PDB file of all heavy atoms in Angstrom:
ATOM      1  N   GLY A   1       0.808  -1.209   0.000  1.00  0.00           N
ATOM      2  CA  GLY A   1       0.000   0.000   0.000  1.00  0.00           C
ATOM      3  C   GLY A   1       0.845   1.264   0.000  1.00  0.00           C
ATOM      4  O   GLY A   1       2.072   1.223  -0.111  1.00  0.00           O
ATOM      5  N   SER A   2       0.147   2.395   0.120  1.00  0.00           N
ATOM      6  CA  SER A   2       0.793   3.704   0.046  1.00  0.00           C
ATOM      7  C   SER A   2       0.340   4.593   1.190  1.00  0.00           C
ATOM      8  O   SER A   2      -0.778   4.441   1.715  1.00  0.00           O
ATOM      9  CB  SER A   2       0.447   4.397  -1.277  1.00  0.00           C
ATOM     10  OG  SER A   2       0.918   3.662  -2.381  1.00  0.00           O
ATOM     11  N   LEU A   3       1.208   5.508   1.555  1.00  0.00           N
ATOM     12  CA  LEU A   3       0.900   6.563   2.508  1.00  0.00           C
ATOM     13  C   LEU A   3       1.627   7.825   2.072  1.00  0.00           C
ATOM     14  O   LEU A   3       2.688   7.752   1.439  1.00  0.00           O
ATOM     15  CB  LEU A   3       1.361   6.207   3.925  1.00  0.00           C
ATOM     16  CG  LEU A   3       0.522   5.266   4.776  1.00  0.00           C
ATOM     17  CD1 LEU A   3       1.232   4.971   6.087  1.00  0.00           C
ATOM     18  CD2 LEU A   3      -0.865   5.838   5.036  1.00  0.00           C
ATOM     19  N   ARG A   4       1.068   8.967   2.434  1.00  0.00           N
ATOM     20  CA  ARG A   4       1.727  10.245   2.165  1.00  0.00           C
ATOM     21  C   ARG A   4       1.867  10.993   3.479  1.00  0.00           C
ATOM     22  O   ARG A   4       0.874  11.318   4.124  1.00  0.00           O
ATOM     23  CB  ARG A   4       0.921  11.082   1.186  1.00  0.00           C
ATOM     24  CG  ARG A   4       1.652  12.337   0.708  1.00  0.00           C
ATOM     25  CD  ARG A   4       0.706  13.289   0.036  1.00  0.00           C
ATOM     26  NE  ARG A   4       1.395  14.284  -0.758  1.00  0.00           N
ATOM     27  CZ  ARG A   4       0.854  15.468  -1.092  1.00  0.00           C
ATOM     28  NH1 ARG A   4      -0.374  15.765  -0.698  1.00  0.00           N
ATOM     29  NH2 ARG A   4       1.544  16.324  -1.817  1.00  0.00           N
ATOM     30  N   LEU A   5       3.105  11.257   3.856  1.00  0.00           N
ATOM     31  CA  LEU A   5       3.379  12.042   5.049  1.00  0.00           C
ATOM     32  C   LEU A   5       3.556  13.508   4.671  1.00  0.00           C
ATOM     33  O   LEU A   5       4.076  13.825   3.604  1.00  0.00           O
ATOM     34  CB  LEU A   5       4.644  11.541   5.739  1.00  0.00           C
ATOM     35  CG  LEU A   5       4.715  10.058   6.093  1.00  0.00           C
ATOM     36  CD1 LEU A   5       5.987   9.759   6.865  1.00  0.00           C
ATOM     37  CD2 LEU A   5       3.485   9.616   6.866  1.00  0.00           C
ATOM     38  N   SER A   6       3.144  14.367   5.577  1.00  0.00           N
ATOM     39  CA  SER A   6       3.349  15.802   5.409  1.00  0.00           C
ATOM     40  C   SER A   6       4.069  16.346   6.634  1.00  0.00           C
ATOM     41  O   SER A   6       3.942  15.803   7.736  1.00  0.00           O
ATOM     42  CB  SER A   6       2.017  16.530   5.259  1.00  0.00           C
ATOM     43  OG  SER A   6       1.314  16.084   4.129  1.00  0.00           O
ATOM     44  N   CYS A   7       4.800  17.427   6.431  1.00  0.00           N
ATOM     45  CA  CYS A   7       5.483  18.091   7.541  1.00  0.00           C
ATOM     46  C   CYS A   7       5.366  19.593   7.317  1.00  0.00           C
ATOM     47  O   CYS A   7       5.925  20.133   6.352  1.00  0.00           O
ATOM     48  CB  CYS A   7       6.936  17.677   7.601  1.00  0.00           C
ATOM     49  SG  CYS A   7       7.931  18.605   8.786  1.00  0.00           S
ATOM     50  N   ALA A   8       4.648  20.242   8.216  1.00  0.00           N
ATOM     51  CA  ALA A   8       4.473  21.692   8.143  1.00  0.00           C
ATOM     52  C   ALA A   8       5.510  22.365   9.029  1.00  0.00           C
ATOM     53  O   ALA A   8       5.640  22.020  10.205  1.00  0.00           O
ATOM     54  CB  ALA A   8       3.066  22.064   8.582  1.00  0.00           C
ATOM     55  N   ALA A   9       6.231  23.330   8.447  1.00  0.00           N
ATOM     56  CA  ALA A   9       7.318  23.987   9.160  1.00  0.00           C
ATOM     57  C   ALA A   9       6.994  25.446   9.442  1.00  0.00           C
ATOM     58  O   ALA A   9       6.297  26.107   8.659  1.00  0.00           O
ATOM     59  CB  ALA A   9       8.598  23.900   8.342  1.00  0.00           C
ATOM     60  N   SER A  10       7.497  25.926  10.551  1.00  0.00           N
ATOM     61  CA  SER A  10       7.374  27.347  10.882  1.00  0.00           C
ATOM     62  C   SER A  10       8.583  27.768  11.699  1.00  0.00           C
ATOM     63  O   SER A  10       9.268  26.934  12.287  1.00  0.00           O
ATOM     64  CB  SER A  10       6.081  27.610  11.666  1.00  0.00           C
ATOM     65  OG  SER A  10       6.105  26.900  12.890  1.00  0.00           O
ATOM     66  N   GLY A  11       8.846  29.097  11.700  1.00  0.00           N
ATOM     67  CA  GLY A  11       9.891  29.618  12.557  1.00  0.00           C
ATOM     68  C   GLY A  11      11.138  30.107  11.858  1.00  0.00           C
ATOM     69  O   GLY A  11      11.851  30.943  12.391  1.00  0.00           O
ATOM     70  N   ARG A  12      11.437  29.561  10.663  1.00  0.00           N
ATOM     71  CA  ARG A  12      12.557  30.057   9.862  1.00  0.00           C
ATOM     72  C   ARG A  12      12.081  30.153   8.421  1.00  0.00           C
ATOM     73  O   ARG A  12      11.047  29.586   8.061  1.00  0.00           O
ATOM     74  CB  ARG A  12      13.769  29.115   9.927  1.00  0.00           C
ATOM     75  CG  ARG A  12      14.436  29.041  11.267  1.00  0.00           C
ATOM     76  CD  ARG A  12      15.835  28.443  11.229  1.00  0.00           C
ATOM     77  NE  ARG A  12      15.898  27.051  10.846  1.00  0.00           N
ATOM     78  CZ  ARG A  12      16.904  26.249  11.155  1.00  0.00           C
ATOM     79  NH1 ARG A  12      17.935  26.717  11.867  1.00  0.00           N
ATOM     80  NH2 ARG A  12      16.919  24.996  10.752  1.00  0.00           N
ATOM     81  N   THR A  13      12.838  30.840   7.599  1.00  0.00           N
ATOM     82  CA  THR A  13      12.464  30.954   6.190  1.00  0.00           C
ATOM     83  C   THR A  13      12.643  29.591   5.541  1.00  0.00           C
ATOM     84  O   THR A  13      13.758  29.155   5.238  1.00  0.00           O
ATOM     85  CB  THR A  13      13.319  32.012   5.481  1.00  0.00           C
ATOM     86  OG1 THR A  13      13.218  33.241   6.187  1.00  0.00           O
ATOM     87  CG2 THR A  13      12.834  32.198   4.051  1.00  0.00           C
ATOM     88  N   PHE A  14      11.537  28.922   5.335  1.00  0.00           N
ATOM     89  CA  PHE A  14      11.519  27.522   4.907  1.00  0.00           C
ATOM     90  C   PHE A  14      12.338  27.300   3.645  1.00  0.00           C
ATOM     91  O   PHE A  14      13.078  26.325   3.537  1.00  0.00           O
ATOM     92  CB  PHE A  14      10.063  27.103   4.698  1.00  0.00           C
ATOM     93  CG  PHE A  14       9.875  25.681   4.298  1.00  0.00           C
ATOM     94  CD1 PHE A  14      10.042  24.652   5.208  1.00  0.00           C
ATOM     95  CD2 PHE A  14       9.485  25.360   3.001  1.00  0.00           C
ATOM     96  CE1 PHE A  14       9.843  23.329   4.837  1.00  0.00           C
ATOM     97  CE2 PHE A  14       9.288  24.041   2.621  1.00  0.00           C
ATOM     98  CZ  PHE A  14       9.465  23.026   3.548  1.00  0.00           C
ATOM     99  N   SER A  15      12.200  28.195   2.697  1.00  0.00           N
ATOM    100  CA  SER A  15      12.824  28.010   1.385  1.00  0.00           C
ATOM    101  C   SER A  15      14.344  28.116   1.407  1.00  0.00           C
ATOM    102  O   SER A  15      14.990  27.920   0.380  1.00  0.00           O
ATOM    103  CB  SER A  15      12.254  29.025   0.389  1.00  0.00           C
ATOM    104  OG  SER A  15      12.504  30.340   0.845  1.00  0.00           O
ATOM    105  N   GLU A  16      14.940  28.401   2.560  1.00  0.00           N
ATOM    106  CA  GLU A  16      16.399  28.535   2.661  1.00  0.00           C
ATOM    107  C   GLU A  16      17.082  27.262   3.154  1.00  0.00           C
ATOM    108  O   GLU A  16      18.316  27.175   3.158  1.00  0.00           O
ATOM    109  CB  GLU A  16      16.756  29.691   3.607  1.00  0.00           C
ATOM    110  CG  GLU A  16      16.303  31.049   3.115  1.00  0.00           C
ATOM    111  CD  GLU A  16      16.631  32.174   4.080  1.00  0.00           C
ATOM    112  OE1 GLU A  16      17.022  31.897   5.232  1.00  0.00           O
ATOM    113  OE2 GLU A  16      16.501  33.343   3.678  1.00  0.00           O
ATOM    114  N   TYR A  17      16.283  26.264   3.562  1.00  0.00           N
ATOM    115  CA  TYR A  17      16.848  25.096   4.242  1.00  0.00           C
ATOM    116  C   TYR A  17      16.474  23.787   3.561  1.00  0.00           C
ATOM    117  O   TYR A  17      15.315  23.575   3.186  1.00  0.00           O
ATOM    118  CB  TYR A  17      16.361  25.045   5.681  1.00  0.00           C
ATOM    119  CG  TYR A  17      16.850  26.194   6.526  1.00  0.00           C
ATOM    120  CD1 TYR A  17      16.126  27.377   6.579  1.00  0.00           C
ATOM    121  CD2 TYR A  17      18.029  26.095   7.249  1.00  0.00           C
ATOM    122  CE1 TYR A  17      16.584  28.445   7.346  1.00  0.00           C
ATOM    123  CE2 TYR A  17      18.490  27.149   8.020  1.00  0.00           C
ATOM    124  CZ  TYR A  17      17.762  28.318   8.058  1.00  0.00           C
ATOM    125  OH  TYR A  17      18.216  29.371   8.812  1.00  0.00           O
ATOM    126  N   ASP A  18      17.482  22.891   3.462  1.00  0.00           N
ATOM    127  CA  ASP A  18      17.191  21.519   3.081  1.00  0.00           C
ATOM    128  C   ASP A  18      16.274  20.902   4.130  1.00  0.00           C
ATOM    129  O   ASP A  18      16.315  21.272   5.314  1.00  0.00           O
ATOM    130  CB  ASP A  18      18.468  20.681   3.034  1.00  0.00           C
ATOM    131  CG  ASP A  18      19.513  21.204   2.073  1.00  0.00           C
ATOM    132  OD1 ASP A  18      19.170  22.015   1.180  1.00  0.00           O
ATOM    133  OD2 ASP A  18      20.677  20.795   2.219  1.00  0.00           O
ATOM    134  N   MET A  19      15.489  19.932   3.683  1.00  0.00           N
ATOM    135  CA  MET A  19      14.623  19.184   4.594  1.00  0.00           C
ATOM    136  C   MET A  19      14.899  17.693   4.446  1.00  0.00           C
ATOM    137  O   MET A  19      15.288  17.226   3.365  1.00  0.00           O
ATOM    138  CB  MET A  19      13.156  19.472   4.287  1.00  0.00           C
ATOM    139  CG  MET A  19      12.739  20.921   4.474  1.00  0.00           C
ATOM    140  SD  MET A  19      12.836  21.477   6.193  1.00  0.00           S
ATOM    141  CE  MET A  19      11.594  20.437   6.973  1.00  0.00           C
ATOM    142  N   GLY A  20      14.669  16.954   5.506  1.00  0.00           N
ATOM    143  CA  GLY A  20      14.911  15.520   5.451  1.00  0.00           C
ATOM    144  C   GLY A  20      13.869  14.732   6.212  1.00  0.00           C
ATOM    145  O   GLY A  20      13.086  15.280   6.999  1.00  0.00           O
ATOM    146  N   TRP A  21      13.860  13.439   5.921  1.00  0.00           N
ATOM    147  CA  TRP A  21      13.053  12.473   6.675  1.00  0.00           C
ATOM    148  C   TRP A  21      13.983  11.375   7.178  1.00  0.00           C
ATOM    149  O   TRP A  21      14.810  10.849   6.416  1.00  0.00           O
ATOM    150  CB  TRP A  21      11.970  11.852   5.800  1.00  0.00           C
ATOM    151  CG  TRP A  21      10.849  12.755   5.416  1.00  0.00           C
ATOM    152  CD1 TRP A  21      10.738  13.508   4.287  1.00  0.00           C
ATOM    153  CD2 TRP A  21       9.643  12.993   6.174  1.00  0.00           C
ATOM    154  NE1 TRP A  21       9.561  14.205   4.284  1.00  0.00           N
ATOM    155  CE2 TRP A  21       8.859  13.907   5.437  1.00  0.00           C
ATOM    156  CE3 TRP A  21       9.159  12.533   7.390  1.00  0.00           C
ATOM    157  CZ2 TRP A  21       7.620  14.362   5.864  1.00  0.00           C
ATOM    158  CZ3 TRP A  21       7.924  12.984   7.819  1.00  0.00           C
ATOM    159  CH2 TRP A  21       7.165  13.892   7.071  1.00  0.00           C
ATOM    160  N   PHE A  22      13.831  11.058   8.457  1.00  0.00           N
ATOM    161  CA  PHE A  22      14.519   9.935   9.074  1.00  0.00           C
ATOM    162  C   PHE A  22      13.444   9.016   9.657  1.00  0.00           C
ATOM    163  O   PHE A  22      12.290   9.421   9.805  1.00  0.00           O
ATOM    164  CB  PHE A  22      15.444  10.412  10.187  1.00  0.00           C
ATOM    165  CG  PHE A  22      16.723  11.046   9.703  1.00  0.00           C
ATOM    166  CD1 PHE A  22      16.711  12.277   9.061  1.00  0.00           C
ATOM    167  CD2 PHE A  22      17.945  10.430   9.897  1.00  0.00           C
ATOM    168  CE1 PHE A  22      17.882  12.868   8.614  1.00  0.00           C
ATOM    169  CE2 PHE A  22      19.129  11.007   9.462  1.00  0.00           C
ATOM    170  CZ  PHE A  22      19.090  12.231   8.820  1.00  0.00           C
ATOM    171  N   ARG A  23      13.834   7.801  10.012  1.00  0.00           N
ATOM    172  CA  ARG A  23      12.895   6.897  10.661  1.00  0.00           C
ATOM    173  C   ARG A  23      13.619   6.081  11.717  1.00  0.00           C
ATOM    174  O   ARG A  23      14.824   5.876  11.653  1.00  0.00           O
ATOM    175  CB  ARG A  23      12.221   5.994   9.635  1.00  0.00           C
ATOM    176  CG  ARG A  23      13.148   4.988   8.962  1.00  0.00           C
ATOM    177  CD  ARG A  23      12.405   4.246   7.862  1.00  0.00           C
ATOM    178  NE  ARG A  23      13.243   3.260   7.193  1.00  0.00           N
ATOM    179  CZ  ARG A  23      12.874   2.554   6.132  1.00  0.00           C
ATOM    180  NH1 ARG A  23      11.666   2.733   5.602  1.00  0.00           N
ATOM    181  NH2 ARG A  23      13.700   1.675   5.595  1.00  0.00           N
ATOM    182  N   GLN A  24      12.830   5.630  12.696  1.00  0.00           N
ATOM    183  CA  GLN A  24      13.378   4.814  13.770  1.00  0.00           C
ATOM    184  C   GLN A  24      12.418   3.687  14.094  1.00  0.00           C
ATOM    185  O   GLN A  24      11.270   3.945  14.491  1.00  0.00           O
ATOM    186  CB  GLN A  24      13.663   5.654  15.008  1.00  0.00           C
ATOM    187  CG  GLN A  24      14.410   4.891  16.089  1.00  0.00           C
ATOM    188  CD  GLN A  24      14.958   5.803  17.164  1.00  0.00           C
ATOM    189  OE1 GLN A  24      14.523   6.938  17.326  1.00  0.00           O
ATOM    190  NE2 GLN A  24      15.952   5.326  17.899  1.00  0.00           N
ATOM    191  N   ALA A  25      12.886   2.474  13.903  1.00  0.00           N
ATOM    192  CA  ALA A  25      12.110   1.292  14.243  1.00  0.00           C
ATOM    193  C   ALA A  25      12.422   0.890  15.682  1.00  0.00           C
ATOM    194  O   ALA A  25      13.486   1.231  16.209  1.00  0.00           O
ATOM    195  CB  ALA A  25      12.450   0.160  13.286  1.00  0.00           C
ATOM    196  N   PRO A  26      11.523   0.147  16.335  1.00  0.00           N
ATOM    197  CA  PRO A  26      11.762  -0.265  17.730  1.00  0.00           C
ATOM    198  C   PRO A  26      13.080  -1.018  17.865  1.00  0.00           C
ATOM    199  O   PRO A  26      13.369  -1.944  17.106  1.00  0.00           O
ATOM    200  CB  PRO A  26      10.563  -1.176  18.022  1.00  0.00           C
ATOM    201  CG  PRO A  26       9.500  -0.708  17.095  1.00  0.00           C
ATOM    202  CD  PRO A  26      10.205  -0.285  15.846  1.00  0.00           C
ATOM    203  N   GLY A  27      13.881  -0.599  18.836  1.00  0.00           N
ATOM    204  CA  GLY A  27      15.145  -1.263  19.098  1.00  0.00           C
ATOM    205  C   GLY A  27      16.254  -0.963  18.121  1.00  0.00           C
ATOM    206  O   GLY A  27      17.335  -1.569  18.200  1.00  0.00           O
ATOM    207  N   LYS A  28      16.008  -0.037  17.205  1.00  0.00           N
ATOM    208  CA  LYS A  28      17.024   0.285  16.200  1.00  0.00           C
ATOM    209  C   LYS A  28      17.381   1.761  16.259  1.00  0.00           C
ATOM    210  O   LYS A  28      16.641   2.577  16.808  1.00  0.00           O
ATOM    211  CB  LYS A  28      16.520  -0.069  14.801  1.00  0.00           C
ATOM    212  CG  LYS A  28      16.304  -1.560  14.604  1.00  0.00           C
ATOM    213  CD  LYS A  28      16.010  -1.885  13.155  1.00  0.00           C
ATOM    214  CE  LYS A  28      15.888  -3.376  12.943  1.00  0.00           C
ATOM    215  NZ  LYS A  28      15.621  -3.710  11.515  1.00  0.00           N
ATOM    216  N   GLU A  29      18.527   2.098  15.672  1.00  0.00           N
ATOM    217  CA  GLU A  29      18.934   3.492  15.618  1.00  0.00           C
ATOM    218  C   GLU A  29      18.136   4.242  14.553  1.00  0.00           C
ATOM    219  O   GLU A  29      17.626   3.655  13.600  1.00  0.00           O
ATOM    220  CB  GLU A  29      20.434   3.572  15.290  1.00  0.00           C
ATOM    221  CG  GLU A  29      21.329   3.042  16.383  1.00  0.00           C
ATOM    222  CD  GLU A  29      22.793   3.269  16.103  1.00  0.00           C
ATOM    223  OE1 GLU A  29      23.126   3.728  14.984  1.00  0.00           O
ATOM    224  OE2 GLU A  29      23.620   2.992  16.985  1.00  0.00           O
ATOM    225  N   ARG A  30      18.078   5.550  14.735  1.00  0.00           N
ATOM    226  CA  ARG A  30      17.421   6.387  13.735  1.00  0.00           C
ATOM    227  C   ARG A  30      18.228   6.323  12.449  1.00  0.00           C
ATOM    228  O   ARG A  30      19.458   6.410  12.470  1.00  0.00           O
ATOM    229  CB  ARG A  30      17.336   7.824  14.242  1.00  0.00           C
ATOM    230  CG  ARG A  30      16.477   8.723  13.402  1.00  0.00           C
ATOM    231  CD  ARG A  30      16.268  10.077  14.062  1.00  0.00           C
ATOM    232  NE  ARG A  30      15.555   9.948  15.336  1.00  0.00           N
ATOM    233  CZ  ARG A  30      15.109  10.990  16.029  1.00  0.00           C
ATOM    234  NH1 ARG A  30      15.306  12.226  15.585  1.00  0.00           N
ATOM    235  NH2 ARG A  30      14.482  10.803  17.174  1.00  0.00           N
ATOM    236  N   GLN A  31      17.535   6.192  11.326  1.00  0.00           N
ATOM    237  CA  GLN A  31      18.227   6.081  10.046  1.00  0.00           C
ATOM    238  C   GLN A  31      17.682   7.064   9.030  1.00  0.00           C
ATOM    239  O   GLN A  31      16.501   7.424   9.050  1.00  0.00           O
ATOM    240  CB  GLN A  31      18.129   4.651   9.494  1.00  0.00           C
ATOM    241  CG  GLN A  31      16.760   4.193   9.124  1.00  0.00           C
ATOM    242  CD  GLN A  31      16.721   2.837   8.456  1.00  0.00           C
ATOM    243  OE1 GLN A  31      15.706   2.410   7.932  1.00  0.00           O
ATOM    244  NE2 GLN A  31      17.844   2.117   8.424  1.00  0.00           N
ATOM    245  N   PHE A  32      18.570   7.480   8.159  1.00  0.00           N
ATOM    246  CA  PHE A  32      18.219   8.407   7.085  1.00  0.00           C
ATOM    247  C   PHE A  32      17.290   7.744   6.086  1.00  0.00           C
ATOM    248  O   PHE A  32      17.482   6.579   5.729  1.00  0.00           O
ATOM    249  CB  PHE A  32      19.502   8.856   6.393  1.00  0.00           C
ATOM    250  CG  PHE A  32      19.291   9.654   5.139  1.00  0.00           C
ATOM    251  CD1 PHE A  32      18.914  10.988   5.207  1.00  0.00           C
ATOM    252  CD2 PHE A  32      19.452   9.068   3.895  1.00  0.00           C
ATOM    253  CE1 PHE A  32      18.719  11.725   4.049  1.00  0.00           C
ATOM    254  CE2 PHE A  32      19.266   9.794   2.743  1.00  0.00           C
ATOM    255  CZ  PHE A  32      18.895  11.125   2.810  1.00  0.00           C
ATOM    256  N   VAL A  33      16.304   8.502   5.623  1.00  0.00           N
ATOM    257  CA  VAL A  33      15.390   8.015   4.585  1.00  0.00           C
ATOM    258  C   VAL A  33      15.599   8.801   3.294  1.00  0.00           C
ATOM    259  O   VAL A  33      15.871   8.226   2.241  1.00  0.00           O
ATOM    260  CB  VAL A  33      13.919   8.126   5.041  1.00  0.00           C
ATOM    261  CG1 VAL A  33      12.985   7.696   3.906  1.00  0.00           C
ATOM    262  CG2 VAL A  33      13.683   7.285   6.294  1.00  0.00           C
ATOM    263  N   THR A  34      15.473  10.131   3.382  1.00  0.00           N
ATOM    264  CA  THR A  34      15.579  10.947   2.186  1.00  0.00           C
ATOM    265  C   THR A  34      15.767  12.408   2.567  1.00  0.00           C
ATOM    266  O   THR A  34      15.479  12.807   3.695  1.00  0.00           O
ATOM    267  CB  THR A  34      14.311  10.795   1.320  1.00  0.00           C
ATOM    268  OG1 THR A  34      14.426  11.590   0.131  1.00  0.00           O
ATOM    269  CG2 THR A  34      13.062  11.227   2.084  1.00  0.00           C
ATOM    270  N   ALA A  35      16.257  13.210   1.624  1.00  0.00           N
ATOM    271  CA  ALA A  35      16.411  14.646   1.827  1.00  0.00           C
ATOM    272  C   ALA A  35      16.138  15.371   0.519  1.00  0.00           C
ATOM    273  O   ALA A  35      16.259  14.789  -0.571  1.00  0.00           O
ATOM    274  CB  ALA A  35      17.810  14.972   2.322  1.00  0.00           C
ATOM    275  N   ILE A  36      15.770  16.637   0.655  1.00  0.00           N
ATOM    276  CA  ILE A  36      15.509  17.486  -0.515  1.00  0.00           C
ATOM    277  C   ILE A  36      16.168  18.834  -0.281  1.00  0.00           C
ATOM    278  O   ILE A  36      16.180  19.359   0.839  1.00  0.00           O
ATOM    279  CB  ILE A  36      13.991  17.619  -0.765  1.00  0.00           C
ATOM    280  CG1 ILE A  36      13.728  18.343  -2.089  1.00  0.00           C
ATOM    281  CG2 ILE A  36      13.287  18.294   0.406  1.00  0.00           C
ATOM    282  CD1 ILE A  36      12.266  18.227  -2.553  1.00  0.00           C
ATOM    283  N   SER A  37      16.721  19.392  -1.336  1.00  0.00           N
ATOM    284  CA  SER A  37      17.429  20.659  -1.218  1.00  0.00           C
ATOM    285  C   SER A  37      16.463  21.812  -0.973  1.00  0.00           C
ATOM    286  O   SER A  37      15.256  21.705  -1.212  1.00  0.00           O
ATOM    287  CB  SER A  37      18.238  20.929  -2.487  1.00  0.00           C
ATOM    288  OG  SER A  37      17.368  21.059  -3.593  1.00  0.00           O
TER     289      SER A  37
END
């Protein structure tokens, strides 16, 4: 199946910063998923 996650940002000029997604499964370290410039 499919899911779409969203992340709403505030507090800094959003368009100036790269954004990323990480994930953490139970008992595991946080791991990189993806990033966008």
